[in-house]
Amino acid sequence: MSRFLRAAVLLMFLASCGGGSSKYSAPRELDDACSIIRERPQYYNALLATERRWGVPVSVQMATIYQESKFIGNARTPHRFVLGIIPMGRQSSAYGYSQALDGTWEEYQEDQRNWRARRDRIDDATDFMGWYMYETEERIGVSRADAESQYLAYHEGRTGYMRKSYEGKPWLVEVARKVGERSQIYAVQLSNCR
């Protein structure tokens, strides 16, 4: 085998093992908060900074990120199709860890004067969630520690939450219940992390 061919094969093998950037892949053990923060310590730093700044518990943030993106930094909503085959764009503009919509993200950037914030960076995504949940408590009285209600307001928007639009969506009420349960599980796990 020629040296060139061997080098090309070795290069292809190494490239296939590369794995890419961790911000675009989920941590291995999504049901274990301690495992997530051991595998991705930068997540814990971002979550703690948001808890200190906005008062949103780490467990609430983690449960929301789990539901929204499964901790995948470049998560997007699925494409819509006409006649089952013609792509017509995505279901919404939601993107990143927090699945923030374009308009809400721009509102955050303007309010915080943080034009460089990006939805695919964990520290910016958690800060956005902290800001949004803090504002939700300030404007409509939903506790930042109430993961279930915060999730409903996050998903439906504050106006939708106040109108109780979620009541016509039993699937969403069930998802919010699971977010609340996951937040409680994560809180217990985090209290026992080393």
C-alpha atoms as a PDB file:
ATOM      1  CA  MET A   1       0.000   0.000   0.000  1.00  0.00           C
ATOM      2  CA  SER A   2       1.438   3.384  -0.942  1.00  0.00           C
ATOM      3  CA  ARG A   3       2.279   5.895   1.764  1.00  0.00           C
ATOM      4  CA  PHE A   4      -0.303   8.303   0.341  1.00  0.00           C
ATOM      5  CA  LEU A   5      -3.076   5.699   0.466  1.00  0.00           C
ATOM      6  CA  ARG A   6      -2.150   4.706   4.037  1.00  0.00           C
ATOM      7  CA  ALA A   7      -2.153   8.356   5.102  1.00  0.00           C
ATOM      8  CA  ALA A   8      -5.546   8.929   3.446  1.00  0.00           C
ATOM      9  CA  VAL A   9      -7.066   5.872   5.175  1.00  0.00           C
ATOM     10  CA  LEU A  10      -5.624   6.930   8.537  1.00  0.00           C
ATOM     11  CA  LEU A  11      -6.938  10.460   8.084  1.00  0.00           C
ATOM     12  CA  MET A  12     -10.431   9.194   7.216  1.00  0.00           C
ATOM     13  CA  PHE A  13     -10.395   6.890  10.254  1.00  0.00           C
ATOM     14  CA  LEU A  14      -9.367   9.711  12.584  1.00  0.00           C
ATOM     15  CA  ALA A  15     -11.970  12.063  11.096  1.00  0.00           C
ATOM     16  CA  SER A  16     -14.712   9.495  11.666  1.00  0.00           C
ATOM     17  CA  CYS A  17     -13.755   9.281  15.346  1.00  0.00           C
ATOM     18  CA  GLY A  18     -13.753  13.048  15.844  1.00  0.00           C
ATOM     19  CA  GLY A  19     -17.285  13.509  17.133  1.00  0.00           C
ATOM     20  CA  GLY A  20     -17.512  17.243  16.587  1.00  0.00           C
ATOM     21  CA  SER A  21     -18.257  20.007  19.058  1.00  0.00           C
ATOM     22  CA  SER A  22     -19.877  18.946  22.327  1.00  0.00           C
ATOM     23  CA  LYS A  23     -22.242  21.919  22.251  1.00  0.00           C
ATOM     24  CA  TYR A  24     -24.008  20.271  19.337  1.00  0.00           C
ATOM     25  CA  SER A  25     -24.424  16.897  20.998  1.00  0.00           C
ATOM     26  CA  ALA A  26     -26.334  15.911  24.097  1.00  0.00           C
ATOM     27  CA  PRO A  27     -24.611  14.756  27.290  1.00  0.00           C
ATOM     28  CA  ARG A  28     -24.723  10.988  27.713  1.00  0.00           C
ATOM     29  CA  GLU A  29     -26.883  10.645  30.868  1.00  0.00           C
ATOM     30  CA  LEU A  30     -29.764  13.140  30.568  1.00  0.00           C
ATOM     31  CA  ASP A  31     -31.651  11.621  33.489  1.00  0.00           C
ATOM     32  CA  ASP A  32     -28.775  12.283  35.906  1.00  0.00           C
ATOM     33  CA  ALA A  33     -28.092  15.939  36.752  1.00  0.00           C
ATOM     34  CA  CYS A  34     -24.778  15.083  38.410  1.00  0.00           C
ATOM     35  CA  SER A  35     -23.595  13.216  35.331  1.00  0.00           C
ATOM     36  CA  ILE A  36     -24.552  16.152  33.103  1.00  0.00           C
ATOM     37  CA  ILE A  37     -22.539  18.641  35.135  1.00  0.00           C
ATOM     38  CA  ARG A  38     -19.578  16.265  35.482  1.00  0.00           C
ATOM     39  CA  GLU A  39     -19.513  15.733  31.717  1.00  0.00           C
ATOM     40  CA  ARG A  40     -20.100  19.422  30.908  1.00  0.00           C
ATOM     41  CA  PRO A  41     -18.802  21.605  33.769  1.00  0.00           C
ATOM     42  CA  GLN A  42     -19.345  24.704  31.624  1.00  0.00           C
ATOM     43  CA  TYR A  43     -23.091  23.989  31.831  1.00  0.00           C
ATOM     44  CA  TYR A  44     -22.995  24.079  35.622  1.00  0.00           C
ATOM     45  CA  ASN A  45     -21.045  27.342  35.608  1.00  0.00           C
ATOM     46  CA  ALA A  46     -23.649  28.908  33.305  1.00  0.00           C
ATOM     47  CA  LEU A  47     -26.578  27.527  35.328  1.00  0.00           C
ATOM     48  CA  LEU A  48     -25.114  28.801  38.612  1.00  0.00           C
ATOM     49  CA  ALA A  49     -24.417  32.238  37.144  1.00  0.00           C
ATOM     50  CA  THR A  50     -28.039  32.446  35.999  1.00  0.00           C
ATOM     51  CA  GLU A  51     -29.321  31.308  39.393  1.00  0.00           C
ATOM     52  CA  ARG A  52     -27.244  34.013  41.101  1.00  0.00           C
ATOM     53  CA  ARG A  53     -28.283  36.725  38.662  1.00  0.00           C
ATOM     54  CA  TRP A  54     -31.966  35.938  38.130  1.00  0.00           C
ATOM     55  CA  GLY A  55     -32.914  33.655  41.031  1.00  0.00           C
ATOM     56  CA  VAL A  56     -34.054  30.757  38.853  1.00  0.00           C
ATOM     57  CA  PRO A  57     -33.015  27.453  40.477  1.00  0.00           C
ATOM     58  CA  VAL A  58     -30.535  25.323  38.544  1.00  0.00           C
ATOM     59  CA  SER A  59     -32.984  22.404  38.563  1.00  0.00           C
ATOM     60  CA  VAL A  60     -35.720  24.519  36.918  1.00  0.00           C
ATOM     61  CA  GLN A  61     -33.314  25.652  34.213  1.00  0.00           C
ATOM     62  CA  MET A  62     -32.069  22.110  33.586  1.00  0.00           C
ATOM     63  CA  ALA A  63     -35.583  20.654  33.373  1.00  0.00           C
ATOM     64  CA  THR A  64     -36.592  23.352  30.895  1.00  0.00           C
ATOM     65  CA  ILE A  65     -33.494  22.849  28.744  1.00  0.00           C
ATOM     66  CA  TYR A  66     -34.074  19.094  28.828  1.00  0.00           C
ATOM     67  CA  GLN A  67     -37.606  19.553  27.521  1.00  0.00           C
ATOM     68  CA  GLU A  68     -36.745  22.205  24.958  1.00  0.00           C
ATOM     69  CA  SER A  69     -33.542  20.871  23.393  1.00  0.00           C
ATOM     70  CA  LYS A  70     -32.255  17.834  25.304  1.00  0.00           C
ATOM     71  CA  PHE A  71     -29.116  19.958  25.875  1.00  0.00           C
ATOM     72  CA  ILE A  72     -28.342  20.164  22.147  1.00  0.00           C
ATOM     73  CA  GLY A  73     -26.914  23.595  21.373  1.00  0.00           C
ATOM     74  CA  ASN A  74     -28.098  23.867  17.779  1.00  0.00           C
ATOM     75  CA  ALA A  75     -31.520  22.242  18.212  1.00  0.00           C
ATOM     76  CA  ARG A  76     -34.210  23.400  15.783  1.00  0.00           C
ATOM     77  CA  THR A  77     -37.859  22.602  15.270  1.00  0.00           C
ATOM     78  CA  PRO A  78     -38.708  20.093  12.530  1.00  0.00           C
ATOM     79  CA  HIS A  79     -39.436  21.144   8.957  1.00  0.00           C
ATOM     80  CA  ARG A  80     -42.997  21.513   7.690  1.00  0.00           C
ATOM     81  CA  PHE A  81     -43.960  19.758   4.472  1.00  0.00           C
ATOM     82  CA  VAL A  82     -46.737  20.336   1.952  1.00  0.00           C
ATOM     83  CA  LEU A  83     -48.183  17.155   0.466  1.00  0.00           C
ATOM     84  CA  GLY A  84     -45.755  15.287   2.667  1.00  0.00           C
ATOM     85  CA  ILE A  85     -42.760  15.985   0.435  1.00  0.00           C
ATOM     86  CA  ILE A  86     -42.318  19.697  -0.325  1.00  0.00           C
ATOM     87  CA  PRO A  87     -40.309  21.423   2.449  1.00  0.00           C
ATOM     88  CA  MET A  88     -41.903  24.707   3.596  1.00  0.00           C
ATOM     89  CA  GLY A  89     -39.495  25.851   6.290  1.00  0.00           C
ATOM     90  CA  ARG A  90     -39.392  25.087   9.974  1.00  0.00           C
ATOM     91  CA  GLN A  91     -42.349  24.945  12.351  1.00  0.00           C
ATOM     92  CA  SER A  92     -41.018  28.011  14.164  1.00  0.00           C
ATOM     93  CA  SER A  93     -37.886  30.121  14.584  1.00  0.00           C
ATOM     94  CA  ALA A  94     -37.032  28.381  17.891  1.00  0.00           C
ATOM     95  CA  TYR A  95     -33.321  27.625  18.102  1.00  0.00           C
ATOM     96  CA  GLY A  96     -30.618  26.570  20.517  1.00  0.00           C
ATOM     97  CA  TYR A  97     -30.561  25.230  24.057  1.00  0.00           C
ATOM     98  CA  SER A  98     -33.490  27.381  25.165  1.00  0.00           C
ATOM     99  CA  GLN A  99     -35.475  27.117  21.915  1.00  0.00           C
ATOM    100  CA  ALA A 100     -35.985  30.884  22.060  1.00  0.00           C
ATOM    101  CA  LEU A 101     -37.987  32.375  19.197  1.00  0.00           C
ATOM    102  CA  ASP A 102     -36.357  35.084  17.073  1.00  0.00           C
ATOM    103  CA  GLY A 103     -38.592  37.877  18.389  1.00  0.00           C
ATOM    104  CA  THR A 104     -38.228  36.946  22.062  1.00  0.00           C
ATOM    105  CA  TRP A 105     -34.470  36.545  21.679  1.00  0.00           C
ATOM    106  CA  GLU A 106     -34.229  39.998  20.083  1.00  0.00           C
ATOM    107  CA  GLU A 107     -36.305  41.445  22.941  1.00  0.00           C
ATOM    108  CA  TYR A 108     -33.824  39.894  25.406  1.00  0.00           C
ATOM    109  CA  GLN A 109     -30.820  41.216  23.481  1.00  0.00           C
ATOM    110  CA  GLU A 110     -32.295  44.706  23.397  1.00  0.00           C
ATOM    111  CA  ASP A 111     -33.364  44.703  27.043  1.00  0.00           C
ATOM    112  CA  GLN A 112     -29.992  43.403  28.230  1.00  0.00           C
ATOM    113  CA  ARG A 113     -27.940  45.354  25.647  1.00  0.00           C
ATOM    114  CA  ASN A 114     -26.277  42.069  24.763  1.00  0.00           C
ATOM    115  CA  TRP A 115     -26.151  42.059  20.978  1.00  0.00           C
ATOM    116  CA  ARG A 116     -23.485  39.351  20.872  1.00  0.00           C
ATOM    117  CA  ALA A 117     -25.591  36.800  22.788  1.00  0.00           C
ATOM    118  CA  ARG A 118     -26.145  33.573  20.867  1.00  0.00           C
ATOM    119  CA  ARG A 119     -28.769  30.927  21.406  1.00  0.00           C
ATOM    120  CA  ASP A 120     -26.276  28.107  20.813  1.00  0.00           C
ATOM    121  CA  ARG A 121     -24.016  29.200  23.709  1.00  0.00           C
ATOM    122  CA  ILE A 122     -25.059  27.705  27.035  1.00  0.00           C
ATOM    123  CA  ASP A 123     -24.216  30.793  29.097  1.00  0.00           C
ATOM    124  CA  ASP A 124     -26.321  33.053  26.859  1.00  0.00           C
ATOM    125  CA  ALA A 125     -29.171  30.524  26.673  1.00  0.00           C
ATOM    126  CA  THR A 126     -29.395  30.107  30.452  1.00  0.00           C
ATOM    127  CA  ASP A 127     -29.172  33.863  30.975  1.00  0.00           C
ATOM    128  CA  PHE A 128     -32.050  34.295  28.524  1.00  0.00           C
ATOM    129  CA  MET A 129     -34.129  31.718  30.407  1.00  0.00           C
ATOM    130  CA  GLY A 130     -33.339  33.380  33.725  1.00  0.00           C
ATOM    131  CA  TRP A 131     -34.322  36.769  32.326  1.00  0.00           C
ATOM    132  CA  TYR A 132     -37.548  35.397  30.855  1.00  0.00           C
ATOM    133  CA  MET A 133     -38.560  33.558  34.027  1.00  0.00           C
ATOM    134  CA  TYR A 134     -37.658  36.520  36.221  1.00  0.00           C
ATOM    135  CA  GLU A 135     -39.822  38.765  34.042  1.00  0.00           C
ATOM    136  CA  THR A 136     -42.619  36.183  34.191  1.00  0.00           C
ATOM    137  CA  GLU A 137     -42.602  36.345  37.984  1.00  0.00           C
ATOM    138  CA  GLU A 138     -42.434  40.149  37.973  1.00  0.00           C
ATOM    139  CA  ARG A 139     -45.228  40.602  35.435  1.00  0.00           C
ATOM    140  CA  ILE A 140     -47.690  37.819  36.222  1.00  0.00           C
ATOM    141  CA  GLY A 141     -46.599  36.380  39.560  1.00  0.00           C
ATOM    142  CA  VAL A 142     -45.391  32.892  38.564  1.00  0.00           C
ATOM    143  CA  SER A 143     -42.696  31.825  41.031  1.00  0.00           C
ATOM    144  CA  ARG A 144     -39.278  31.232  39.496  1.00  0.00           C
ATOM    145  CA  ALA A 145     -39.129  27.977  41.486  1.00  0.00           C
ATOM    146  CA  ASP A 146     -42.387  26.659  39.946  1.00  0.00           C
ATOM    147  CA  ALA A 147     -41.007  24.730  36.970  1.00  0.00           C
ATOM    148  CA  GLU A 148     -44.391  23.484  35.781  1.00  0.00           C
ATOM    149  CA  SER A 149     -46.099  26.893  35.620  1.00  0.00           C
ATOM    150  CA  GLN A 150     -42.957  28.617  34.361  1.00  0.00           C
ATOM    151  CA  TYR A 151     -42.795  26.079  31.539  1.00  0.00           C
ATOM    152  CA  LEU A 152     -46.403  26.767  30.552  1.00  0.00           C
ATOM    153  CA  ALA A 153     -45.686  30.521  30.480  1.00  0.00           C
ATOM    154  CA  TYR A 154     -42.430  29.878  28.589  1.00  0.00           C
ATOM    155  CA  HIS A 155     -44.165  27.747  25.964  1.00  0.00           C
ATOM    156  CA  GLU A 156     -47.360  29.755  25.548  1.00  0.00           C
ATOM    157  CA  GLY A 157     -45.947  33.210  26.238  1.00  0.00           C
ATOM    158  CA  ARG A 158     -47.071  35.279  29.190  1.00  0.00           C
ATOM    159  CA  THR A 159     -50.254  36.474  27.487  1.00  0.00           C
ATOM    160  CA  GLY A 160     -51.175  32.926  26.477  1.00  0.00           C
ATOM    161  CA  TYR A 161     -50.507  31.747  30.005  1.00  0.00           C
ATOM    162  CA  MET A 162     -52.752  34.440  31.498  1.00  0.00           C
ATOM    163  CA  ARG A 163     -55.490  33.496  29.008  1.00  0.00           C
ATOM    164  CA  LYS A 164     -54.969  29.844  30.010  1.00  0.00           C
ATOM    165  CA  SER A 165     -54.465  28.812  26.393  1.00  0.00           C
ATOM    166  CA  TYR A 166     -52.788  25.643  27.663  1.00  0.00           C
ATOM    167  CA  GLU A 167     -56.122  24.362  28.979  1.00  0.00           C
ATOM    168  CA  GLY A 168     -57.069  23.463  25.408  1.00  0.00           C
ATOM    169  CA  LYS A 169     -53.815  21.513  25.020  1.00  0.00           C
ATOM    170  CA  PRO A 170     -53.859  18.472  27.309  1.00  0.00           C
ATOM    171  CA  TRP A 171     -50.583  17.256  25.791  1.00  0.00           C
ATOM    172  CA  LEU A 172     -48.877  20.506  26.870  1.00  0.00           C
ATOM    173  CA  VAL A 173     -50.261  20.294  30.404  1.00  0.00           C
ATOM    174  CA  GLU A 174     -48.788  16.775  30.591  1.00  0.00           C
ATOM    175  CA  VAL A 175     -45.423  17.982  29.262  1.00  0.00           C
ATOM    176  CA  ALA A 176     -45.387  20.798  31.853  1.00  0.00           C
ATOM    177  CA  ARG A 177     -46.186  18.290  34.599  1.00  0.00           C
ATOM    178  CA  LYS A 178     -43.194  16.208  33.482  1.00  0.00           C
ATOM    179  CA  VAL A 179     -40.972  19.322  33.478  1.00  0.00           C
ATOM    180  CA  GLY A 180     -42.047  19.952  37.077  1.00  0.00           C
ATOM    181  CA  GLU A 181     -41.274  16.354  38.053  1.00  0.00           C
ATOM    182  CA  ARG A 182     -37.899  16.435  36.305  1.00  0.00           C
ATOM    183  CA  SER A 183     -37.037  19.672  38.091  1.00  0.00           C
ATOM    184  CA  GLN A 184     -37.748  18.011  41.444  1.00  0.00           C
ATOM    185  CA  ILE A 185     -35.685  14.947  40.509  1.00  0.00           C
ATOM    186  CA  TYR A 186     -32.795  17.130  39.336  1.00  0.00           C
ATOM    187  CA  ALA A 187     -32.982  19.172  42.574  1.00  0.00           C
ATOM    188  CA  VAL A 188     -32.633  16.008  44.689  1.00  0.00           C
ATOM    189  CA  GLN A 189     -29.798  14.730  42.513  1.00  0.00           C
ATOM    190  CA  LEU A 190     -27.971  18.075  42.613  1.00  0.00           C
ATOM    191  CA  SER A 191     -28.165  18.152  46.413  1.00  0.00           C
ATOM    192  CA  ASN A 192     -26.276  14.844  46.457  1.00  0.00           C
ATOM    193  CA  CYS A 193     -23.623  15.596  43.806  1.00  0.00           C
ATOM    194  CA  ARG A 194     -19.998  15.556  44.865  1.00  0.00           C
END
